[in-house]
Amino acid sequence: MGFSVKSASVEIFISDTGVGIEIKALEQIFESFIQENTSSTRGHEGSGLGLSIIKGFAKLLGGEIRLESVKGEGSSFFFSLPIMPLPPEKGETGKVKKRLSLPEFPAILIAEDDPLNMVYMVTILKGRVSFIYKATNGIEAVKVCREHPEISMVFMDIKMPVMNGVEATGEIRKFNQDVVIIALTAYANNGFREEAIAFGCNDYLTKPVEKKLILALMDTY
């Protein structure tokens, strides 16, 4: 499987070394409830709907799907989607805005003990900041903040081993009052924002965290 980028589209393909399809069946294979082999002794399952559904999705997205196959050797499916270039951003005067060469947040810290949550956060923030520091418990978070005063924002998971996010935030506030700390929690109630501010955070996000909320908070602070 792989892909290729063309002038106006990107084409994704997947090839197999299966039984292949006869040339006479290629034109009908994308129709609903159609399969080349419909015998009761065939060695595979299926209702003949998968390819017709994919073809429908392709059309809805402005793309197309095609098939190349040799009987006894295998098949290759190609799915293409159009590339839509984004228009340049314009300011109030109508002139094109010049993009900043450096992000507004030179460095941030993600304190999170769950590996999947860490990957999710890094994926969202990568490219929007100059550097991402990581910590898997509260003690590490405090140490990283102490050693790197350039950190401007901390995403602090509340429930972590060794030292939790509440304790870590209290320790960080002893030597850094300026860094923005955003609490991350899966157990927020209606009054949690006030609680988070009381123990030193600037704001909070509820897990599972939405990308648009993360970016909105970064804009806010």
N, C-alpha and C. Protein backbone atom coordinates (compact mmCIF):
# COMPACT_ATOMS: atom_id res chain seq x y z
N MET A 1 0.84 -1.19 0.00
CA MET A 1 0.00 0.00 0.00
C MET A 1 0.87 1.24 0.00
N GLY A 2 0.33 2.35 -0.49
CA GLY A 2 1.09 3.58 -0.54
C GLY A 2 0.27 4.69 -1.17
N PHE A 3 0.94 5.77 -1.59
CA PHE A 3 0.22 6.90 -2.19
C PHE A 3 1.15 7.65 -3.13
N SER A 4 0.53 8.46 -3.98
CA SER A 4 1.29 9.36 -4.85
C SER A 4 0.53 10.67 -4.95
N VAL A 5 1.28 11.77 -4.97
CA VAL A 5 0.67 13.10 -5.05
C VAL A 5 0.78 13.61 -6.47
N LYS A 6 -0.37 13.99 -7.03
CA LYS A 6 -0.40 14.51 -8.38
C LYS A 6 -0.72 16.00 -8.33
N SER A 7 -0.88 16.64 -9.48
CA SER A 7 -1.06 18.09 -9.52
C SER A 7 -2.33 18.54 -8.82
N ALA A 8 -3.42 17.77 -8.95
CA ALA A 8 -4.70 18.20 -8.38
C ALA A 8 -5.33 17.16 -7.47
N SER A 9 -4.60 16.08 -7.17
CA SER A 9 -5.18 15.03 -6.34
C SER A 9 -4.09 14.22 -5.66
N VAL A 10 -4.50 13.45 -4.67
CA VAL A 10 -3.62 12.47 -4.06
C VAL A 10 -4.27 11.11 -4.27
N GLU A 11 -3.48 10.14 -4.71
CA GLU A 11 -4.01 8.81 -5.01
C GLU A 11 -3.42 7.79 -4.04
N ILE A 12 -4.28 7.07 -3.36
CA ILE A 12 -3.89 6.05 -2.40
C ILE A 12 -4.16 4.69 -3.02
N PHE A 13 -3.25 3.75 -2.88
CA PHE A 13 -3.46 2.44 -3.49
C PHE A 13 -3.17 1.33 -2.49
N ILE A 14 -3.82 0.20 -2.74
CA ILE A 14 -3.53 -1.02 -1.97
C ILE A 14 -3.56 -2.19 -2.93
N SER A 15 -2.53 -3.03 -2.90
CA SER A 15 -2.42 -4.17 -3.81
C SER A 15 -2.35 -5.46 -3.02
N ASP A 16 -2.87 -6.53 -3.62
CA ASP A 16 -2.78 -7.83 -2.97
C ASP A 16 -2.29 -8.87 -3.98
N THR A 17 -1.99 -10.05 -3.49
CA THR A 17 -1.57 -11.16 -4.35
C THR A 17 -2.59 -12.27 -4.26
N GLY A 18 -3.88 -11.86 -4.26
CA GLY A 18 -4.96 -12.83 -4.12
C GLY A 18 -5.35 -13.48 -5.43
N VAL A 19 -6.62 -13.89 -5.53
CA VAL A 19 -7.07 -14.67 -6.68
C VAL A 19 -7.27 -13.81 -7.92
N GLY A 20 -7.38 -12.48 -7.74
CA GLY A 20 -7.59 -11.61 -8.89
C GLY A 20 -9.01 -11.69 -9.41
N ILE A 21 -9.30 -10.86 -10.42
CA ILE A 21 -10.65 -10.77 -10.97
C ILE A 21 -10.58 -10.84 -12.49
N GLU A 22 -11.51 -11.59 -13.08
CA GLU A 22 -11.57 -11.67 -14.53
C GLU A 22 -11.88 -10.30 -15.15
N ILE A 23 -11.35 -10.04 -16.34
CA ILE A 23 -11.56 -8.76 -17.02
C ILE A 23 -13.04 -8.46 -17.20
N LYS A 24 -13.84 -9.46 -17.54
CA LYS A 24 -15.26 -9.25 -17.80
C LYS A 24 -16.04 -8.84 -16.55
N ALA A 25 -15.46 -9.08 -15.35
CA ALA A 25 -16.15 -8.74 -14.10
C ALA A 25 -15.74 -7.38 -13.55
N LEU A 26 -14.71 -6.77 -14.13
CA LEU A 26 -14.17 -5.52 -13.59
C LEU A 26 -15.19 -4.38 -13.61
N GLU A 27 -16.00 -4.31 -14.66
CA GLU A 27 -16.95 -3.20 -14.79
C GLU A 27 -18.09 -3.30 -13.80
N GLN A 28 -18.44 -4.51 -13.35
CA GLN A 28 -19.59 -4.68 -12.46
C GLN A 28 -19.21 -4.77 -10.99
N ILE A 29 -17.91 -4.86 -10.69
CA ILE A 29 -17.49 -5.17 -9.33
C ILE A 29 -17.86 -4.08 -8.32
N PHE A 30 -18.11 -2.85 -8.79
CA PHE A 30 -18.45 -1.75 -7.89
C PHE A 30 -19.96 -1.58 -7.71
N GLU A 31 -20.75 -2.45 -8.33
CA GLU A 31 -22.19 -2.40 -8.16
C GLU A 31 -22.60 -3.13 -6.88
N SER A 32 -23.74 -2.72 -6.31
CA SER A 32 -24.21 -3.31 -5.04
C SER A 32 -24.56 -4.78 -5.21
N PHE A 33 -24.18 -5.58 -4.21
CA PHE A 33 -24.49 -7.01 -4.12
C PHE A 33 -23.89 -7.83 -5.26
N ILE A 34 -22.81 -7.30 -5.88
CA ILE A 34 -22.17 -8.02 -6.97
C ILE A 34 -20.83 -8.59 -6.48
N GLN A 35 -20.63 -9.88 -6.74
CA GLN A 35 -19.35 -10.52 -6.49
C GLN A 35 -19.02 -11.40 -7.69
N GLU A 36 -17.74 -11.58 -7.96
CA GLU A 36 -17.37 -12.41 -9.10
C GLU A 36 -17.77 -13.86 -8.86
N ASN A 37 -17.53 -14.32 -7.64
CA ASN A 37 -17.85 -15.71 -7.30
C ASN A 37 -19.01 -15.72 -6.32
N THR A 38 -20.15 -16.23 -6.74
CA THR A 38 -21.33 -16.26 -5.86
C THR A 38 -21.70 -17.68 -5.43
N SER A 39 -20.82 -18.64 -5.66
CA SER A 39 -21.14 -20.03 -5.32
C SER A 39 -21.14 -20.23 -3.81
N SER A 40 -21.83 -21.25 -3.37
CA SER A 40 -21.91 -21.56 -1.94
C SER A 40 -20.66 -22.22 -1.42
N THR A 41 -19.73 -22.59 -2.31
CA THR A 41 -18.51 -23.27 -1.88
C THR A 41 -17.29 -22.36 -1.93
N ARG A 42 -17.50 -21.06 -2.14
CA ARG A 42 -16.38 -20.13 -2.22
C ARG A 42 -15.67 -20.05 -0.87
N GLY A 43 -14.41 -19.68 -0.88
CA GLY A 43 -13.61 -19.67 0.35
C GLY A 43 -13.56 -18.34 1.06
N HIS A 44 -14.56 -17.46 0.83
CA HIS A 44 -14.56 -16.16 1.49
C HIS A 44 -15.99 -15.72 1.74
N GLU A 45 -16.15 -14.79 2.68
CA GLU A 45 -17.47 -14.25 3.01
C GLU A 45 -17.66 -12.90 2.34
N GLY A 46 -18.81 -12.27 2.59
CA GLY A 46 -19.07 -10.93 2.06
C GLY A 46 -20.40 -10.86 1.35
N SER A 47 -20.98 -9.65 1.32
CA SER A 47 -22.28 -9.46 0.71
C SER A 47 -22.22 -8.70 -0.61
N GLY A 48 -21.02 -8.25 -1.00
CA GLY A 48 -20.90 -7.50 -2.24
C GLY A 48 -21.27 -6.04 -2.11
N LEU A 49 -21.18 -5.49 -0.89
CA LEU A 49 -21.55 -4.09 -0.66
C LEU A 49 -20.36 -3.18 -0.44
N GLY A 50 -19.24 -3.72 0.02
CA GLY A 50 -18.09 -2.90 0.42
C GLY A 50 -17.61 -1.96 -0.66
N LEU A 51 -17.38 -2.46 -1.86
CA LEU A 51 -16.83 -1.62 -2.92
C LEU A 51 -17.83 -0.57 -3.40
N SER A 52 -19.12 -0.90 -3.40
CA SER A 52 -20.12 0.10 -3.82
C SER A 52 -20.21 1.23 -2.80
N ILE A 53 -20.05 0.91 -1.52
CA ILE A 53 -20.06 1.94 -0.47
C ILE A 53 -18.85 2.85 -0.61
N ILE A 54 -17.68 2.25 -0.84
CA ILE A 54 -16.45 3.04 -1.02
C ILE A 54 -16.56 3.93 -2.26
N LYS A 55 -17.16 3.41 -3.32
CA LYS A 55 -17.33 4.22 -4.52
C LYS A 55 -18.22 5.42 -4.22
N GLY A 56 -19.26 5.21 -3.39
CA GLY A 56 -20.14 6.31 -3.00
C GLY A 56 -19.41 7.36 -2.20
N PHE A 57 -18.57 6.91 -1.25
CA PHE A 57 -17.78 7.86 -0.46
C PHE A 57 -16.85 8.66 -1.37
N ALA A 58 -16.23 7.97 -2.33
CA ALA A 58 -15.29 8.65 -3.24
C ALA A 58 -16.00 9.76 -4.00
N LYS A 59 -17.20 9.48 -4.50
CA LYS A 59 -17.95 10.49 -5.26
C LYS A 59 -18.33 11.66 -4.37
N LEU A 60 -18.77 11.37 -3.13
CA LEU A 60 -19.15 12.44 -2.21
C LEU A 60 -17.99 13.38 -1.93
N LEU A 61 -16.78 12.84 -1.90
CA LEU A 61 -15.59 13.64 -1.60
C LEU A 61 -14.95 14.22 -2.85
N GLY A 62 -15.59 14.03 -4.00
CA GLY A 62 -15.05 14.59 -5.23
C GLY A 62 -13.94 13.77 -5.84
N GLY A 63 -13.81 12.52 -5.43
CA GLY A 63 -12.75 11.66 -5.94
C GLY A 63 -13.30 10.51 -6.75
N GLU A 64 -12.48 9.49 -6.94
CA GLU A 64 -12.90 8.32 -7.70
C GLU A 64 -12.12 7.10 -7.24
N ILE A 65 -12.61 5.93 -7.62
CA ILE A 65 -11.92 4.68 -7.30
C ILE A 65 -11.82 3.85 -8.57
N ARG A 66 -10.70 3.17 -8.75
CA ARG A 66 -10.53 2.32 -9.92
C ARG A 66 -9.80 1.05 -9.51
N LEU A 67 -9.83 0.08 -10.40
CA LEU A 67 -9.28 -1.24 -10.09
C LEU A 67 -8.48 -1.76 -11.26
N GLU A 68 -7.34 -2.35 -10.95
CA GLU A 68 -6.56 -3.09 -11.94
C GLU A 68 -6.36 -4.49 -11.38
N SER A 69 -6.58 -5.51 -12.21
CA SER A 69 -6.49 -6.88 -11.70
C SER A 69 -6.11 -7.86 -12.79
N VAL A 70 -5.37 -8.87 -12.40
CA VAL A 70 -5.01 -9.97 -13.29
C VAL A 70 -5.44 -11.26 -12.59
N LYS A 71 -6.27 -12.05 -13.26
CA LYS A 71 -6.77 -13.28 -12.68
C LYS A 71 -5.62 -14.20 -12.29
N GLY A 72 -5.63 -14.65 -11.04
CA GLY A 72 -4.61 -15.56 -10.55
C GLY A 72 -3.37 -14.87 -10.02
N GLU A 73 -3.27 -13.53 -10.18
CA GLU A 73 -2.06 -12.82 -9.73
C GLU A 73 -2.34 -11.78 -8.65
N GLY A 74 -3.54 -11.21 -8.64
CA GLY A 74 -3.85 -10.23 -7.61
C GLY A 74 -4.55 -9.00 -8.16
N SER A 75 -4.84 -8.06 -7.26
CA SER A 75 -5.58 -6.85 -7.63
C SER A 75 -4.95 -5.62 -7.00
N SER A 76 -5.16 -4.48 -7.64
CA SER A 76 -4.71 -3.20 -7.10
C SER A 76 -5.88 -2.22 -7.18
N PHE A 77 -6.22 -1.62 -6.03
CA PHE A 77 -7.28 -0.62 -5.96
C PHE A 77 -6.65 0.76 -5.77
N PHE A 78 -7.18 1.75 -6.51
CA PHE A 78 -6.67 3.11 -6.46
C PHE A 78 -7.81 4.04 -6.06
N PHE A 79 -7.60 4.82 -4.99
CA PHE A 79 -8.62 5.74 -4.47
C PHE A 79 -8.02 7.14 -4.49
N SER A 80 -8.64 8.06 -5.24
CA SER A 80 -8.07 9.40 -5.35
C SER A 80 -8.99 10.44 -4.71
N LEU A 81 -8.38 11.48 -4.16
CA LEU A 81 -9.12 12.61 -3.58
C LEU A 81 -8.51 13.90 -4.11
N PRO A 82 -9.34 14.89 -4.40
CA PRO A 82 -8.81 16.16 -4.91
C PRO A 82 -8.05 16.93 -3.83
N ILE A 83 -7.03 17.64 -4.25
CA ILE A 83 -6.29 18.54 -3.36
C ILE A 83 -6.85 19.94 -3.54
N MET A 84 -7.30 20.53 -2.44
CA MET A 84 -7.88 21.86 -2.48
C MET A 84 -6.90 22.86 -1.87
N PRO A 85 -6.19 23.66 -2.65
CA PRO A 85 -5.25 24.63 -2.08
C PRO A 85 -5.99 25.69 -1.27
N LEU A 86 -5.46 26.02 -0.09
CA LEU A 86 -6.08 27.02 0.77
C LEU A 86 -5.76 28.43 0.28
N PRO A 87 -6.74 29.34 0.30
CA PRO A 87 -6.47 30.71 -0.10
C PRO A 87 -5.57 31.39 0.91
N PRO A 88 -4.77 32.39 0.53
CA PRO A 88 -3.92 33.10 1.49
C PRO A 88 -4.76 33.86 2.50
N GLU A 89 -4.27 33.92 3.75
CA GLU A 89 -4.98 34.67 4.78
C GLU A 89 -4.85 36.17 4.53
N LYS A 90 -5.93 36.91 4.78
CA LYS A 90 -5.91 38.36 4.59
C LYS A 90 -6.28 39.07 5.87
N GLY A 91 -5.64 40.18 6.12
CA GLY A 91 -5.95 40.99 7.29
C GLY A 91 -7.09 41.94 6.98
N GLU A 92 -7.37 42.86 7.89
CA GLU A 92 -8.49 43.78 7.72
C GLU A 92 -8.30 44.71 6.53
N THR A 93 -7.07 45.01 6.17
CA THR A 93 -6.82 45.93 5.06
C THR A 93 -6.90 45.23 3.72
N GLY A 94 -7.08 43.90 3.72
CA GLY A 94 -7.15 43.16 2.47
C GLY A 94 -5.79 42.67 2.01
N LYS A 95 -4.72 43.09 2.70
CA LYS A 95 -3.39 42.63 2.33
C LYS A 95 -3.14 41.25 2.92
N VAL A 96 -2.35 40.47 2.22
CA VAL A 96 -2.04 39.12 2.70
C VAL A 96 -1.20 39.21 3.96
N LYS A 97 -1.63 38.45 4.99
CA LYS A 97 -0.90 38.46 6.26
C LYS A 97 0.39 37.66 6.13
N LYS A 98 1.45 38.18 6.69
CA LYS A 98 2.71 37.45 6.71
C LYS A 98 2.71 36.52 7.92
N ARG A 99 2.97 35.24 7.69
CA ARG A 99 2.98 34.28 8.80
C ARG A 99 4.18 34.53 9.70
N LEU A 100 3.97 34.36 10.99
CA LEU A 100 5.07 34.53 11.94
C LEU A 100 6.10 33.43 11.74
N SER A 101 7.34 33.79 11.82
CA SER A 101 8.39 32.79 11.63
C SER A 101 8.56 31.92 12.86
N LEU A 102 8.15 32.41 14.03
CA LEU A 102 8.25 31.63 15.26
C LEU A 102 6.88 31.56 15.92
N PRO A 103 6.53 30.41 16.52
CA PRO A 103 5.27 30.31 17.24
C PRO A 103 5.23 31.26 18.43
N GLU A 104 4.00 31.62 18.85
CA GLU A 104 3.86 32.49 20.01
C GLU A 104 4.28 31.77 21.29
N PHE A 105 4.21 30.45 21.30
CA PHE A 105 4.63 29.67 22.45
C PHE A 105 5.97 29.01 22.12
N PRO A 106 7.07 29.58 22.59
CA PRO A 106 8.37 29.02 22.24
C PRO A 106 8.59 27.61 22.77
N ALA A 107 8.03 27.31 23.94
CA ALA A 107 8.19 25.97 24.51
C ALA A 107 7.03 25.67 25.44
N ILE A 108 6.57 24.42 25.42
CA ILE A 108 5.51 24.00 26.33
C ILE A 108 5.91 22.68 26.98
N LEU A 109 5.20 22.34 28.04
CA LEU A 109 5.40 21.06 28.72
C LEU A 109 4.08 20.31 28.74
N ILE A 110 4.12 19.03 28.38
CA ILE A 110 2.97 18.15 28.52
C ILE A 110 3.29 17.16 29.63
N ALA A 111 2.54 17.24 30.74
CA ALA A 111 2.70 16.31 31.86
C ALA A 111 1.55 15.32 31.79
N GLU A 112 1.83 14.10 31.36
CA GLU A 112 0.79 13.10 31.11
C GLU A 112 1.38 11.71 31.24
N ASP A 113 0.75 10.84 32.02
CA ASP A 113 1.31 9.50 32.23
C ASP A 113 0.76 8.47 31.26
N ASP A 114 -0.31 8.77 30.54
CA ASP A 114 -0.88 7.83 29.58
C ASP A 114 -0.20 8.01 28.23
N PRO A 115 0.47 6.97 27.70
CA PRO A 115 1.23 7.11 26.44
C PRO A 115 0.36 7.55 25.26
N LEU A 116 -0.86 7.03 25.16
CA LEU A 116 -1.73 7.40 24.04
C LEU A 116 -2.16 8.86 24.12
N ASN A 117 -2.49 9.31 25.34
CA ASN A 117 -2.85 10.71 25.51
C ASN A 117 -1.67 11.62 25.18
N MET A 118 -0.46 11.18 25.54
CA MET A 118 0.74 11.96 25.23
C MET A 118 0.91 12.09 23.72
N VAL A 119 0.78 10.98 22.99
CA VAL A 119 0.92 11.01 21.53
C VAL A 119 -0.13 11.93 20.92
N TYR A 120 -1.36 11.86 21.44
CA TYR A 120 -2.46 12.69 20.93
C TYR A 120 -2.14 14.18 21.11
N MET A 121 -1.69 14.56 22.31
CA MET A 121 -1.37 15.95 22.59
C MET A 121 -0.21 16.45 21.73
N VAL A 122 0.83 15.63 21.62
CA VAL A 122 2.00 16.02 20.82
C VAL A 122 1.61 16.20 19.37
N THR A 123 0.75 15.32 18.86
CA THR A 123 0.32 15.40 17.46
C THR A 123 -0.41 16.71 17.19
N ILE A 124 -1.25 17.13 18.12
CA ILE A 124 -2.00 18.37 17.96
C ILE A 124 -1.08 19.59 18.01
N LEU A 125 -0.12 19.57 18.94
CA LEU A 125 0.68 20.76 19.21
C LEU A 125 1.95 20.87 18.37
N LYS A 126 2.38 19.74 17.81
CA LYS A 126 3.61 19.75 17.00
C LYS A 126 3.45 20.69 15.81
N GLY A 127 4.39 21.56 15.59
CA GLY A 127 4.32 22.52 14.50
C GLY A 127 3.74 23.85 14.92
N ARG A 128 3.08 23.87 16.10
CA ARG A 128 2.53 25.12 16.61
C ARG A 128 3.41 25.72 17.70
N VAL A 129 4.40 24.96 18.14
CA VAL A 129 5.32 25.44 19.17
C VAL A 129 6.74 25.10 18.73
N SER A 130 7.70 25.78 19.35
CA SER A 130 9.10 25.54 18.97
C SER A 130 9.65 24.26 19.59
N PHE A 131 9.19 23.94 20.81
CA PHE A 131 9.72 22.75 21.48
C PHE A 131 8.69 22.21 22.47
N ILE A 132 8.59 20.89 22.56
CA ILE A 132 7.68 20.24 23.49
C ILE A 132 8.49 19.41 24.48
N TYR A 133 8.39 19.77 25.77
CA TYR A 133 8.97 18.96 26.83
C TYR A 133 7.90 17.99 27.33
N LYS A 134 8.34 16.83 27.84
CA LYS A 134 7.40 15.81 28.30
C LYS A 134 7.73 15.37 29.72
N ALA A 135 6.69 15.04 30.48
CA ALA A 135 6.87 14.50 31.83
C ALA A 135 5.77 13.46 32.05
N THR A 136 6.11 12.38 32.76
CA THR A 136 5.14 11.31 32.98
C THR A 136 4.65 11.25 34.42
N ASN A 137 5.15 12.15 35.27
CA ASN A 137 4.64 12.26 36.64
C ASN A 137 4.91 13.67 37.15
N GLY A 138 4.35 13.98 38.31
CA GLY A 138 4.46 15.33 38.85
C GLY A 138 5.86 15.77 39.18
N ILE A 139 6.67 14.85 39.71
CA ILE A 139 8.04 15.19 40.07
C ILE A 139 8.84 15.59 38.82
N GLU A 140 8.66 14.83 37.75
CA GLU A 140 9.33 15.17 36.49
C GLU A 140 8.87 16.54 35.98
N ALA A 141 7.57 16.80 36.10
CA ALA A 141 7.03 18.08 35.63
C ALA A 141 7.66 19.25 36.37
N VAL A 142 7.78 19.14 37.69
CA VAL A 142 8.38 20.20 38.48
C VAL A 142 9.84 20.40 38.08
N LYS A 143 10.56 19.30 37.91
CA LYS A 143 11.98 19.35 37.54
C LYS A 143 12.17 20.02 36.18
N VAL A 144 11.35 19.65 35.20
CA VAL A 144 11.47 20.23 33.86
C VAL A 144 11.18 21.73 33.90
N CYS A 145 10.16 22.14 34.64
CA CYS A 145 9.83 23.56 34.73
C CYS A 145 10.93 24.36 35.42
N ARG A 146 11.55 23.76 36.41
CA ARG A 146 12.63 24.45 37.13
C ARG A 146 13.85 24.63 36.23
N GLU A 147 14.13 23.61 35.41
CA GLU A 147 15.32 23.64 34.57
C GLU A 147 15.11 24.42 33.26
N HIS A 148 13.84 24.66 32.91
CA HIS A 148 13.57 25.32 31.63
C HIS A 148 12.56 26.46 31.83
N PRO A 149 13.04 27.59 32.30
CA PRO A 149 12.15 28.74 32.54
C PRO A 149 11.54 29.32 31.27
N GLU A 150 12.02 28.89 30.10
CA GLU A 150 11.45 29.39 28.84
C GLU A 150 10.08 28.77 28.54
N ILE A 151 9.71 27.74 29.28
CA ILE A 151 8.39 27.12 29.08
C ILE A 151 7.30 28.13 29.40
N SER A 152 6.38 28.33 28.45
CA SER A 152 5.34 29.34 28.64
C SER A 152 3.97 28.74 28.97
N MET A 153 3.79 27.44 28.70
CA MET A 153 2.50 26.81 29.01
C MET A 153 2.72 25.35 29.40
N VAL A 154 1.96 24.91 30.39
CA VAL A 154 2.03 23.51 30.86
C VAL A 154 0.64 22.91 30.77
N PHE A 155 0.54 21.75 30.11
CA PHE A 155 -0.68 20.96 30.14
C PHE A 155 -0.48 19.89 31.21
N MET A 156 -1.20 20.04 32.34
CA MET A 156 -0.93 19.25 33.54
C MET A 156 -2.05 18.24 33.80
N ASP A 157 -1.74 16.96 33.60
CA ASP A 157 -2.69 15.92 33.96
C ASP A 157 -2.83 15.89 35.48
N ILE A 158 -4.05 15.84 35.96
CA ILE A 158 -4.25 15.87 37.42
C ILE A 158 -3.93 14.54 38.07
N LYS A 159 -4.31 13.44 37.43
CA LYS A 159 -4.09 12.12 38.01
C LYS A 159 -2.82 11.50 37.42
N MET A 160 -1.71 11.59 38.18
CA MET A 160 -0.43 11.01 37.75
C MET A 160 0.22 10.28 38.92
N PRO A 161 1.09 9.32 38.63
CA PRO A 161 1.78 8.61 39.72
C PRO A 161 2.88 9.46 40.34
N VAL A 162 3.41 8.98 41.46
CA VAL A 162 4.51 9.59 42.22
C VAL A 162 4.09 10.91 42.84
N MET A 163 3.71 11.89 42.02
CA MET A 163 3.17 13.16 42.49
C MET A 163 2.07 13.59 41.52
N ASN A 164 0.87 13.87 42.03
CA ASN A 164 -0.22 14.22 41.13
C ASN A 164 -0.11 15.66 40.63
N GLY A 165 -1.02 16.02 39.72
CA GLY A 165 -0.94 17.33 39.09
C GLY A 165 -1.22 18.49 40.03
N VAL A 166 -2.06 18.26 41.02
CA VAL A 166 -2.36 19.31 42.01
C VAL A 166 -1.10 19.66 42.79
N GLU A 167 -0.42 18.63 43.30
CA GLU A 167 0.81 18.85 44.07
C GLU A 167 1.90 19.47 43.20
N ALA A 168 2.02 18.97 41.96
CA ALA A 168 3.05 19.49 41.06
C ALA A 168 2.82 20.97 40.75
N THR A 169 1.55 21.33 40.54
CA THR A 169 1.23 22.74 40.26
C THR A 169 1.61 23.61 41.44
N GLY A 170 1.33 23.15 42.68
CA GLY A 170 1.70 23.90 43.87
C GLY A 170 3.19 24.12 43.98
N GLU A 171 3.98 23.08 43.64
CA GLU A 171 5.44 23.20 43.69
C GLU A 171 5.95 24.17 42.63
N ILE A 172 5.38 24.11 41.42
CA ILE A 172 5.82 25.00 40.34
C ILE A 172 5.53 26.45 40.70
N ARG A 173 4.39 26.70 41.34
CA ARG A 173 4.02 28.08 41.69
C ARG A 173 4.95 28.68 42.75
N LYS A 174 5.71 27.86 43.43
CA LYS A 174 6.65 28.37 44.42
C LYS A 174 7.81 29.12 43.76
N PHE A 175 8.13 28.76 42.50
CA PHE A 175 9.26 29.43 41.85
C PHE A 175 8.89 30.04 40.50
N ASN A 176 7.65 29.81 40.03
CA ASN A 176 7.24 30.39 38.74
C ASN A 176 5.76 30.75 38.80
N GLN A 177 5.48 32.05 38.87
CA GLN A 177 4.11 32.53 38.92
C GLN A 177 3.55 32.89 37.54
N ASP A 178 4.41 32.93 36.54
CA ASP A 178 4.00 33.43 35.23
C ASP A 178 3.57 32.34 34.25
N VAL A 179 4.13 31.15 34.34
CA VAL A 179 3.81 30.10 33.38
C VAL A 179 2.32 29.77 33.43
N VAL A 180 1.71 29.60 32.26
CA VAL A 180 0.29 29.25 32.18
C VAL A 180 0.15 27.73 32.36
N ILE A 181 -0.65 27.32 33.33
CA ILE A 181 -0.85 25.90 33.62
C ILE A 181 -2.31 25.54 33.35
N ILE A 182 -2.51 24.57 32.46
CA ILE A 182 -3.85 24.10 32.11
C ILE A 182 -4.03 22.70 32.68
N ALA A 183 -5.00 22.53 33.58
CA ALA A 183 -5.26 21.23 34.18
C ALA A 183 -5.99 20.33 33.17
N LEU A 184 -5.60 19.06 33.14
CA LEU A 184 -6.29 18.06 32.30
C LEU A 184 -6.90 17.02 33.23
N THR A 185 -8.20 16.81 33.12
CA THR A 185 -8.86 15.86 34.01
C THR A 185 -10.03 15.19 33.32
N ALA A 186 -10.28 13.95 33.73
CA ALA A 186 -11.43 13.21 33.21
C ALA A 186 -12.60 13.26 34.19
N TYR A 187 -12.41 13.91 35.32
CA TYR A 187 -13.42 13.88 36.38
C TYR A 187 -13.87 15.28 36.79
N ALA A 188 -14.00 16.19 35.84
CA ALA A 188 -14.37 17.56 36.17
C ALA A 188 -15.85 17.67 36.51
N ASN A 189 -16.15 18.44 37.56
CA ASN A 189 -17.54 18.77 37.87
C ASN A 189 -17.76 20.25 37.56
N ASN A 190 -18.95 20.75 37.88
CA ASN A 190 -19.29 22.14 37.53
C ASN A 190 -18.38 23.16 38.20
N GLY A 191 -17.84 22.83 39.36
CA GLY A 191 -17.01 23.80 40.07
C GLY A 191 -15.53 23.55 39.94
N PHE A 192 -15.14 22.68 39.00
CA PHE A 192 -13.73 22.30 38.92
C PHE A 192 -12.84 23.45 38.48
N ARG A 193 -13.35 24.34 37.62
CA ARG A 193 -12.51 25.45 37.16
C ARG A 193 -12.06 26.30 38.34
N GLU A 194 -12.98 26.56 39.26
CA GLU A 194 -12.62 27.34 40.45
C GLU A 194 -11.62 26.58 41.31
N GLU A 195 -11.81 25.26 41.41
CA GLU A 195 -10.86 24.44 42.18
C GLU A 195 -9.48 24.48 41.55
N ALA A 196 -9.44 24.35 40.20
CA ALA A 196 -8.16 24.37 39.51
C ALA A 196 -7.44 25.69 39.71
N ILE A 197 -8.16 26.79 39.61
CA ILE A 197 -7.55 28.11 39.82
C ILE A 197 -7.08 28.25 41.26
N ALA A 198 -7.83 27.67 42.19
CA ALA A 198 -7.47 27.76 43.61
C ALA A 198 -6.14 27.07 43.90
N PHE A 199 -5.85 25.96 43.24
CA PHE A 199 -4.57 25.30 43.51
C PHE A 199 -3.47 25.70 42.53
N GLY A 200 -3.72 26.75 41.72
CA GLY A 200 -2.63 27.35 40.95
C GLY A 200 -2.72 27.27 39.45
N CYS A 201 -3.73 26.59 38.91
CA CYS A 201 -3.88 26.50 37.45
C CYS A 201 -4.59 27.75 36.92
N ASN A 202 -4.37 28.02 35.64
CA ASN A 202 -5.06 29.14 34.99
C ASN A 202 -6.41 28.72 34.41
N ASP A 203 -6.52 27.45 34.02
CA ASP A 203 -7.75 26.97 33.41
C ASP A 203 -7.69 25.45 33.38
N TYR A 204 -8.71 24.82 32.76
CA TYR A 204 -8.70 23.36 32.68
C TYR A 204 -9.37 22.88 31.40
N LEU A 205 -9.06 21.64 31.03
CA LEU A 205 -9.69 20.96 29.91
C LEU A 205 -10.15 19.59 30.39
N THR A 206 -11.30 19.16 29.91
CA THR A 206 -11.84 17.86 30.29
C THR A 206 -11.47 16.82 29.25
N LYS A 207 -11.00 15.66 29.72
CA LYS A 207 -10.69 14.56 28.81
C LYS A 207 -11.98 13.85 28.41
N PRO A 208 -12.08 13.32 27.18
CA PRO A 208 -11.10 13.46 26.10
C PRO A 208 -11.05 14.89 25.57
N VAL A 209 -9.84 15.41 25.44
CA VAL A 209 -9.65 16.81 25.09
C VAL A 209 -9.87 17.01 23.59
N GLU A 210 -10.64 18.02 23.23
CA GLU A 210 -10.87 18.33 21.82
C GLU A 210 -9.79 19.28 21.31
N LYS A 211 -9.35 19.03 20.10
CA LYS A 211 -8.30 19.84 19.48
C LYS A 211 -8.68 21.32 19.47
N LYS A 212 -9.91 21.64 19.08
CA LYS A 212 -10.31 23.04 18.95
C LYS A 212 -10.27 23.76 20.30
N LEU A 213 -10.53 23.03 21.40
CA LEU A 213 -10.48 23.65 22.73
C LEU A 213 -9.05 23.92 23.15
N ILE A 214 -8.15 23.00 22.81
CA ILE A 214 -6.72 23.22 23.12
C ILE A 214 -6.23 24.49 22.42
N LEU A 215 -6.52 24.60 21.13
CA LEU A 215 -6.04 25.75 20.36
C LEU A 215 -6.72 27.04 20.82
N ALA A 216 -7.99 26.95 21.23
CA ALA A 216 -8.69 28.12 21.71
C ALA A 216 -8.05 28.64 23.00
N LEU A 217 -7.67 27.74 23.90
CA LEU A 217 -7.02 28.16 25.14
C LEU A 217 -5.66 28.78 24.85
N MET A 218 -4.93 28.22 23.90
CA MET A 218 -3.63 28.80 23.53
C MET A 218 -3.82 30.21 23.00
N ASP A 219 -4.88 30.42 22.21
CA ASP A 219 -5.18 31.77 21.72
C ASP A 219 -5.52 32.71 22.86
N THR A 220 -6.27 32.19 23.85
CA THR A 220 -6.71 33.01 24.98
C THR A 220 -5.53 33.51 25.80
N TYR A 221 -4.56 32.63 26.04
CA TYR A 221 -3.45 33.00 26.92
C TYR A 221 -2.20 33.45 26.17
